[in-house]
């Protein structure tokens, strides 16, 4: 069973999803791919992973730097998406990278060429916002391009982390 919990952040409402073992979703309400991987039978509850994530978010938005590895995650996606999301988790808080740099890292890791646009698509479908920090990825020129939750939220998260 997948449980859900709505929580408020300084950037608006979020929906958390998870089961007894891991967080499976964290979306800003109104985001482009909002609840894309959420099963139809998910229901409101207070599973420990959801309340732990809510507490983690409170600390994060209060300016603390809680370790995202404290929250067990499980994502649903293609092998390519899973690899991109794993690379996102390697971007330290307060730092940024570009879609092109991620594509180069992916190519080194897989031994196959990777396209920045394909990486951007996978970044945009990230089902666990903030903990899988897709907001830390910028355009080639450092511009705040693409964020499923909206570029104003992306800018706010980067300012919170001291990256802007």
C-alpha atoms as a PDB file:
ATOM      1  CA  UNK A   1       0.000   0.000   0.000  1.00  0.00           C
ATOM      2  CA  UNK A   2       1.218   3.474  -0.874  1.00  0.00           C
ATOM      3  CA  UNK A   3       0.379   6.148   1.636  1.00  0.00           C
ATOM      4  CA  UNK A   4       0.264   9.876   1.013  1.00  0.00           C
ATOM      5  CA  UNK A   5       0.714  12.898   3.224  1.00  0.00           C
ATOM      6  CA  UNK A   6       0.195  16.530   2.275  1.00  0.00           C
ATOM      7  CA  UNK A   7       2.518  19.031   3.893  1.00  0.00           C
ATOM      8  CA  UNK A   8       3.126  22.753   3.637  1.00  0.00           C
ATOM      9  CA  UNK A   9       6.467  24.352   2.874  1.00  0.00           C
ATOM     10  CA  UNK A  10       7.466  28.003   2.461  1.00  0.00           C
ATOM     11  CA  UNK A  11       7.202  27.352  -1.302  1.00  0.00           C
ATOM     12  CA  UNK A  12       3.706  25.880  -1.171  1.00  0.00           C
ATOM     13  CA  UNK A  13       2.066  22.540  -0.652  1.00  0.00           C
ATOM     14  CA  UNK A  14       3.784  19.229  -1.292  1.00  0.00           C
ATOM     15  CA  UNK A  15       2.483  15.719  -1.632  1.00  0.00           C
ATOM     16  CA  UNK A  16       4.604  12.943  -0.133  1.00  0.00           C
ATOM     17  CA  UNK A  17       4.108   9.297  -1.094  1.00  0.00           C
ATOM     18  CA  UNK A  18       5.668   6.157   0.291  1.00  0.00           C
ATOM     19  CA  UNK A  19       5.249   2.759   1.820  1.00  0.00           C
ATOM     20  CA  UNK A  20       6.612   1.007   4.906  1.00  0.00           C
ATOM     21  CA  UNK A  21      10.106   0.865   3.372  1.00  0.00           C
ATOM     22  CA  UNK A  22      10.743   4.048   1.357  1.00  0.00           C
ATOM     23  CA  UNK A  23       9.639   7.413   0.047  1.00  0.00           C
ATOM     24  CA  UNK A  24       8.374   6.993  -3.513  1.00  0.00           C
ATOM     25  CA  UNK A  25       7.276  10.520  -4.368  1.00  0.00           C
ATOM     26  CA  UNK A  26       7.628  14.160  -3.363  1.00  0.00           C
ATOM     27  CA  UNK A  27       5.938  16.683  -5.627  1.00  0.00           C
ATOM     28  CA  UNK A  28       5.097  20.355  -5.328  1.00  0.00           C
ATOM     29  CA  UNK A  29       1.374  20.770  -5.880  1.00  0.00           C
ATOM     30  CA  UNK A  30       0.778  21.907  -9.443  1.00  0.00           C
ATOM     31  CA  UNK A  31       4.137  20.629 -10.709  1.00  0.00           C
ATOM     32  CA  UNK A  32       4.341  19.517 -14.324  1.00  0.00           C
ATOM     33  CA  UNK A  33       4.539  15.783 -13.572  1.00  0.00           C
ATOM     34  CA  UNK A  34       2.549  15.976 -10.325  1.00  0.00           C
ATOM     35  CA  UNK A  35       1.948  12.508  -8.852  1.00  0.00           C
ATOM     36  CA  UNK A  36       2.761  10.841 -12.202  1.00  0.00           C
ATOM     37  CA  UNK A  37       3.878   7.609 -10.497  1.00  0.00           C
ATOM     38  CA  UNK A  38       1.268   7.633  -7.738  1.00  0.00           C
ATOM     39  CA  UNK A  39      -1.035   4.582  -7.760  1.00  0.00           C
ATOM     40  CA  UNK A  40      -4.765   5.300  -7.898  1.00  0.00           C
ATOM     41  CA  UNK A  41      -5.365   3.433  -4.617  1.00  0.00           C
ATOM     42  CA  UNK A  42      -2.904   5.538  -2.554  1.00  0.00           C
ATOM     43  CA  UNK A  43      -4.503   6.843   0.598  1.00  0.00           C
ATOM     44  CA  UNK A  44      -3.771   9.396   3.281  1.00  0.00           C
ATOM     45  CA  UNK A  45      -1.870   8.061   6.281  1.00  0.00           C
ATOM     46  CA  UNK A  46       1.027   8.870   8.561  1.00  0.00           C
ATOM     47  CA  UNK A  47       3.633   6.245   7.722  1.00  0.00           C
ATOM     48  CA  UNK A  48       6.964   6.836   9.445  1.00  0.00           C
ATOM     49  CA  UNK A  49       8.787   7.519   6.152  1.00  0.00           C
ATOM     50  CA  UNK A  50       6.239  10.245   5.388  1.00  0.00           C
ATOM     51  CA  UNK A  51       6.436  11.907   8.808  1.00  0.00           C
ATOM     52  CA  UNK A  52      10.251  11.600   8.749  1.00  0.00           C
ATOM     53  CA  UNK A  53      10.289  13.306   5.339  1.00  0.00           C
ATOM     54  CA  UNK A  54       7.972  16.030   6.602  1.00  0.00           C
ATOM     55  CA  UNK A  55      10.370  16.648   9.530  1.00  0.00           C
ATOM     56  CA  UNK A  56      13.343  16.590   7.119  1.00  0.00           C
ATOM     57  CA  UNK A  57      11.637  19.243   4.958  1.00  0.00           C
ATOM     58  CA  UNK A  58      10.932  21.442   7.993  1.00  0.00           C
ATOM     59  CA  UNK A  59      14.610  21.310   8.958  1.00  0.00           C
ATOM     60  CA  UNK A  60      15.735  21.932   5.362  1.00  0.00           C
ATOM     61  CA  UNK A  61      13.501  24.980   4.933  1.00  0.00           C
ATOM     62  CA  UNK A  62      14.620  26.280   8.342  1.00  0.00           C
ATOM     63  CA  UNK A  63      18.162  26.463   6.946  1.00  0.00           C
ATOM     64  CA  UNK A  64      19.596  23.253   8.386  1.00  0.00           C
ATOM     65  CA  UNK A  65      21.310  20.829   6.046  1.00  0.00           C
ATOM     66  CA  UNK A  66      19.834  17.452   7.006  1.00  0.00           C
ATOM     67  CA  UNK A  67      21.386  14.481   5.257  1.00  0.00           C
ATOM     68  CA  UNK A  68      19.099  13.348   2.421  1.00  0.00           C
ATOM     69  CA  UNK A  69      20.426   9.802   2.902  1.00  0.00           C
ATOM     70  CA  UNK A  70      18.402   9.712   6.148  1.00  0.00           C
ATOM     71  CA  UNK A  71      15.290   9.131   4.040  1.00  0.00           C
ATOM     72  CA  UNK A  72      15.132   5.802   2.165  1.00  0.00           C
ATOM     73  CA  UNK A  73      14.058   6.357  -1.440  1.00  0.00           C
ATOM     74  CA  UNK A  74      12.639   4.133  -4.157  1.00  0.00           C
ATOM     75  CA  UNK A  75      11.905   5.474  -7.620  1.00  0.00           C
ATOM     76  CA  UNK A  76      10.078   4.037 -10.592  1.00  0.00           C
ATOM     77  CA  UNK A  77      11.582   4.777 -13.971  1.00  0.00           C
ATOM     78  CA  UNK A  78      13.587   3.467 -16.860  1.00  0.00           C
ATOM     79  CA  UNK A  79      17.190   2.372 -16.402  1.00  0.00           C
ATOM     80  CA  UNK A  80      18.272   5.648 -18.041  1.00  0.00           C
ATOM     81  CA  UNK A  81      16.127   7.721 -15.662  1.00  0.00           C
ATOM     82  CA  UNK A  82      17.376   5.773 -12.636  1.00  0.00           C
ATOM     83  CA  UNK A  83      20.984   6.442 -13.674  1.00  0.00           C
ATOM     84  CA  UNK A  84      20.324  10.166 -14.147  1.00  0.00           C
ATOM     85  CA  UNK A  85      18.537  10.386 -10.788  1.00  0.00           C
ATOM     86  CA  UNK A  86      21.487   8.646  -9.112  1.00  0.00           C
ATOM     87  CA  UNK A  87      23.800  11.285 -10.625  1.00  0.00           C
ATOM     88  CA  UNK A  88      21.554  14.040  -9.279  1.00  0.00           C
ATOM     89  CA  UNK A  89      22.000  12.677  -5.762  1.00  0.00           C
ATOM     90  CA  UNK A  90      25.761  13.214  -6.125  1.00  0.00           C
ATOM     91  CA  UNK A  91      25.399  17.011  -6.520  1.00  0.00           C
ATOM     92  CA  UNK A  92      26.286  18.519  -3.127  1.00  0.00           C
ATOM     93  CA  UNK A  93      23.983  20.987  -1.441  1.00  0.00           C
ATOM     94  CA  UNK A  94      24.952  24.546  -2.409  1.00  0.00           C
ATOM     95  CA  UNK A  95      26.471  23.480  -5.725  1.00  0.00           C
ATOM     96  CA  UNK A  96      25.083  23.267  -9.234  1.00  0.00           C
ATOM     97  CA  UNK A  97      25.860  21.514 -12.485  1.00  0.00           C
ATOM     98  CA  UNK A  98      24.538  21.654 -16.038  1.00  0.00           C
ATOM     99  CA  UNK A  99      22.532  19.256 -18.175  1.00  0.00           C
ATOM    100  CA  UNK A 100      25.575  18.955 -20.449  1.00  0.00           C
ATOM    101  CA  UNK A 101      27.886  18.080 -17.551  1.00  0.00           C
ATOM    102  CA  UNK A 102      25.406  15.429 -16.414  1.00  0.00           C
ATOM    103  CA  UNK A 103      25.325  14.012 -19.953  1.00  0.00           C
ATOM    104  CA  UNK A 104      29.125  13.831 -19.964  1.00  0.00           C
ATOM    105  CA  UNK A 105      29.158  12.101 -16.555  1.00  0.00           C
ATOM    106  CA  UNK A 106      26.540   9.650 -17.793  1.00  0.00           C
ATOM    107  CA  UNK A 107      28.585   8.921 -20.920  1.00  0.00           C
ATOM    108  CA  UNK A 108      31.691   8.246 -18.811  1.00  0.00           C
ATOM    109  CA  UNK A 109      29.696   5.980 -16.505  1.00  0.00           C
ATOM    110  CA  UNK A 110      27.902   4.002 -19.227  1.00  0.00           C
ATOM    111  CA  UNK A 111      30.497   4.097 -21.971  1.00  0.00           C
ATOM    112  CA  UNK A 112      27.775   5.313 -24.361  1.00  0.00           C
ATOM    113  CA  UNK A 113      27.141   8.839 -25.626  1.00  0.00           C
ATOM    114  CA  UNK A 114      24.414  10.766 -23.821  1.00  0.00           C
ATOM    115  CA  UNK A 115      22.438  13.752 -25.031  1.00  0.00           C
ATOM    116  CA  UNK A 116      21.882  16.754 -22.728  1.00  0.00           C
ATOM    117  CA  UNK A 117      18.263  17.000 -23.910  1.00  0.00           C
ATOM    118  CA  UNK A 118      17.574  13.362 -22.970  1.00  0.00           C
ATOM    119  CA  UNK A 119      19.175  13.979 -19.589  1.00  0.00           C
ATOM    120  CA  UNK A 120      16.952  17.051 -19.212  1.00  0.00           C
ATOM    121  CA  UNK A 121      13.883  14.931 -19.891  1.00  0.00           C
ATOM    122  CA  UNK A 122      14.878  12.442 -17.200  1.00  0.00           C
ATOM    123  CA  UNK A 123      15.668  15.258 -14.765  1.00  0.00           C
ATOM    124  CA  UNK A 124      12.205  16.718 -15.393  1.00  0.00           C
ATOM    125  CA  UNK A 125      10.505  13.403 -14.607  1.00  0.00           C
ATOM    126  CA  UNK A 126      12.243  13.047 -11.235  1.00  0.00           C
ATOM    127  CA  UNK A 127       9.506  11.825  -8.863  1.00  0.00           C
ATOM    128  CA  UNK A 128      11.219  12.912  -5.628  1.00  0.00           C
ATOM    129  CA  UNK A 129      11.809  16.643  -5.625  1.00  0.00           C
ATOM    130  CA  UNK A 130      14.410  18.234  -3.324  1.00  0.00           C
ATOM    131  CA  UNK A 131      15.797  14.931  -1.957  1.00  0.00           C
ATOM    132  CA  UNK A 132      16.814  14.036  -5.509  1.00  0.00           C
ATOM    133  CA  UNK A 133      18.023  17.568  -6.215  1.00  0.00           C
ATOM    134  CA  UNK A 134      16.975  18.262  -9.795  1.00  0.00           C
ATOM    135  CA  UNK A 135      16.792  21.964  -8.865  1.00  0.00           C
ATOM    136  CA  UNK A 136      20.623  22.028  -8.856  1.00  0.00           C
ATOM    137  CA  UNK A 137      20.819  21.537 -12.628  1.00  0.00           C
ATOM    138  CA  UNK A 138      21.213  24.644 -14.779  1.00  0.00           C
ATOM    139  CA  UNK A 139      21.313  25.434 -18.464  1.00  0.00           C
ATOM    140  CA  UNK A 140      24.614  25.545 -20.343  1.00  0.00           C
ATOM    141  CA  UNK A 141      24.916  29.298 -19.699  1.00  0.00           C
ATOM    142  CA  UNK A 142      23.986  29.005 -16.016  1.00  0.00           C
ATOM    143  CA  UNK A 143      20.368  29.959 -16.625  1.00  0.00           C
ATOM    144  CA  UNK A 144      17.528  28.621 -14.494  1.00  0.00           C
ATOM    145  CA  UNK A 145      15.918  26.498 -17.161  1.00  0.00           C
ATOM    146  CA  UNK A 146      13.331  23.834 -16.623  1.00  0.00           C
ATOM    147  CA  UNK A 147      11.961  22.793 -13.272  1.00  0.00           C
ATOM    148  CA  UNK A 148       8.737  20.828 -13.046  1.00  0.00           C
ATOM    149  CA  UNK A 149       7.757  22.798  -9.937  1.00  0.00           C
ATOM    150  CA  UNK A 150       8.414  26.132 -11.667  1.00  0.00           C
ATOM    151  CA  UNK A 151      11.573  28.176 -12.082  1.00  0.00           C
ATOM    152  CA  UNK A 152      10.574  30.504  -9.220  1.00  0.00           C
ATOM    153  CA  UNK A 153      10.727  27.496  -6.852  1.00  0.00           C
ATOM    154  CA  UNK A 154      14.028  26.404  -8.393  1.00  0.00           C
ATOM    155  CA  UNK A 155      15.496  29.866  -7.727  1.00  0.00           C
ATOM    156  CA  UNK A 156      14.158  29.865  -4.155  1.00  0.00           C
ATOM    157  CA  UNK A 157      15.680  26.446  -3.430  1.00  0.00           C
ATOM    158  CA  UNK A 158      19.052  27.505  -4.852  1.00  0.00           C
ATOM    159  CA  UNK A 159      18.982  30.726  -2.787  1.00  0.00           C
ATOM    160  CA  UNK A 160      18.123  28.694   0.326  1.00  0.00           C
ATOM    161  CA  UNK A 161      21.159  26.503  -0.352  1.00  0.00           C
ATOM    162  CA  UNK A 162      23.428  29.485  -1.065  1.00  0.00           C
ATOM    163  CA  UNK A 163      23.959  28.518  -4.696  1.00  0.00           C
ATOM    164  CA  UNK A 164      22.467  31.776  -6.061  1.00  0.00           C
END
